[in-house]
Amino acid sequence: MMESGVQRVQYMVLTIISDGVLSDGETFMSKLVHTVSPLPISIVIIGVGNEDFGKMPFFLGDENVPPRSGNKQAARNCLTFATMKSVDNDLGRLAEKILRRVPEQATEWLELNRMKR
């Protein structure tokens, strides 16, 4: 929609709260790389409970490097993952940890799509 020469963009944040390990990480990463990363979205995944989320190494990579699926690299890294255990069940620390990346991810999407802030 255009108003007075300004383009409006909707940017979404999908929050997933999981008490279990994702069993099909390859399919998830393929969808993330091929379908989701070009979209105006950040995905925040919060691990809760006593599960060993270390079994999900595809979430624990370098947050500054876009994920890969096979030979293809994602357009950008739109995924943030944290566990409640990693912040000692402190909701304030959790919010700080996971939400600090969202503005960076949104800016990166805008820049990739040649839009000015």
Protein backbone atom coordinates (compact mmCIF):
# COMPACT_ATOMS: atom_id res chain seq x y z
CA MET A 1 0.00 0.00 0.00
CA MET A 2 1.37 3.43 -0.92
CA GLU A 3 0.51 6.57 1.07
CA SER A 4 2.27 9.85 0.37
CA GLY A 5 5.15 8.03 -1.31
CA VAL A 6 5.77 5.79 1.72
CA GLN A 7 5.64 2.04 1.27
CA ARG A 8 4.20 0.15 4.21
CA VAL A 9 5.66 -3.24 5.02
CA GLN A 10 4.41 -5.83 7.45
CA TYR A 11 7.12 -7.78 9.27
CA MET A 12 6.08 -10.76 11.37
CA VAL A 13 7.58 -12.53 14.37
CA LEU A 14 6.60 -16.18 14.79
CA THR A 15 7.21 -17.50 18.29
CA ILE A 16 7.36 -21.26 18.83
CA ILE A 17 7.51 -22.67 22.35
CA SER A 18 8.66 -26.27 22.38
CA ASP A 19 9.06 -28.82 25.13
CA GLY A 20 10.63 -31.36 22.81
CA VAL A 21 13.36 -31.81 20.26
CA LEU A 22 12.50 -31.35 16.60
CA SER A 23 12.83 -34.80 15.09
CA ASP A 24 13.14 -33.81 11.43
CA GLY A 25 15.71 -31.04 11.43
CA GLU A 26 16.73 -31.56 7.81
CA THR A 27 13.21 -30.88 6.53
CA PHE A 28 12.87 -27.88 8.83
CA MET A 29 16.17 -26.38 7.62
CA SER A 30 15.27 -27.05 4.00
CA LYS A 31 11.98 -25.15 4.39
CA LEU A 32 13.74 -22.37 6.29
CA VAL A 33 16.43 -21.96 3.62
CA HIS A 34 14.30 -22.42 0.51
CA THR A 35 10.98 -20.90 1.54
CA VAL A 36 11.05 -18.85 4.73
CA SER A 37 14.32 -16.87 4.79
CA PRO A 38 13.33 -14.51 1.93
CA LEU A 39 10.05 -13.60 3.70
CA PRO A 40 9.55 -10.63 6.09
CA ILE A 41 9.61 -12.80 9.21
CA SER A 42 11.69 -13.66 12.25
CA ILE A 43 11.22 -17.05 13.88
CA VAL A 44 11.86 -17.26 17.62
CA ILE A 45 12.01 -20.74 19.12
CA ILE A 46 12.01 -21.14 22.89
CA GLY A 47 12.91 -24.48 24.39
CA VAL A 48 11.22 -25.23 27.71
CA GLY A 49 11.40 -28.18 30.07
CA ASN A 50 14.11 -30.74 30.69
CA GLU A 51 14.72 -31.85 27.11
CA ASP A 52 18.32 -31.88 25.85
CA PHE A 53 18.04 -29.21 23.16
CA GLY A 54 21.73 -29.70 22.38
CA LYS A 55 20.46 -32.45 20.09
CA MET A 56 19.31 -29.71 17.72
CA PRO A 57 22.66 -28.40 16.43
CA PHE A 58 21.02 -26.84 13.37
CA PHE A 59 19.54 -24.21 15.73
CA LEU A 60 22.71 -23.61 17.66
CA GLY A 61 24.92 -22.33 14.84
CA ASP A 62 26.44 -18.90 14.46
CA GLU A 63 23.57 -16.40 14.57
CA ASN A 64 25.43 -14.14 12.12
CA VAL A 65 25.75 -16.82 9.44
CA PRO A 66 22.67 -17.77 7.43
CA PRO A 67 21.82 -21.47 7.73
CA ARG A 68 22.43 -23.93 4.92
CA SER A 69 20.44 -26.78 3.47
CA GLY A 70 22.54 -28.94 1.20
CA ASN A 71 24.39 -26.62 -1.16
CA LYS A 72 22.03 -23.67 -0.70
CA GLN A 73 22.51 -20.95 1.88
CA ALA A 74 19.52 -19.03 3.24
CA ALA A 75 19.04 -15.44 2.09
CA ARG A 76 19.53 -14.41 5.73
CA ASN A 77 19.32 -15.83 9.23
CA CYS A 78 15.76 -15.26 10.43
CA LEU A 79 15.93 -17.81 13.26
CA THR A 80 16.66 -17.24 16.95
CA PHE A 81 16.72 -20.12 19.43
CA ALA A 82 17.07 -20.04 23.20
CA THR A 83 16.17 -22.28 26.09
CA MET A 84 14.72 -21.34 29.43
CA LYS A 85 17.58 -23.26 31.04
CA SER A 86 20.14 -21.02 29.34
CA VAL A 87 18.72 -18.00 31.20
CA ASP A 88 17.98 -19.79 34.49
CA ASN A 89 14.22 -19.49 33.85
CA ASP A 90 14.47 -15.68 34.00
CA LEU A 91 11.82 -14.30 31.61
CA GLY A 92 13.48 -10.88 31.43
CA ARG A 93 16.80 -12.39 30.36
CA LEU A 94 14.99 -14.65 27.91
CA ALA A 95 13.22 -11.71 26.30
CA GLU A 96 16.49 -9.80 26.05
CA LYS A 97 18.30 -12.77 24.54
CA ILE A 98 15.72 -13.64 21.90
CA LEU A 99 14.33 -10.25 21.02
CA ARG A 100 17.65 -8.45 20.55
CA ARG A 101 18.04 -10.15 17.16
CA VAL A 102 14.62 -9.22 15.74
CA PRO A 103 15.46 -5.59 14.83
CA GLU A 104 18.69 -6.78 13.16
CA GLN A 105 16.78 -9.42 11.22
CA ALA A 106 14.10 -6.94 10.13
CA THR A 107 16.74 -4.41 9.02
CA GLU A 108 18.58 -7.10 7.09
CA TRP A 109 15.34 -8.07 5.33
CA LEU A 110 14.65 -4.43 4.46
CA GLU A 111 18.16 -3.99 3.09
CA LEU A 112 17.96 -7.20 1.05
CA ASN A 113 14.74 -5.92 -0.43
CA ARG A 114 16.21 -2.46 -1.04
CA MET A 115 13.87 -0.60 1.28
CA LYS A 116 14.97 2.31 3.42
CA ARG A 117 14.36 2.43 7.16
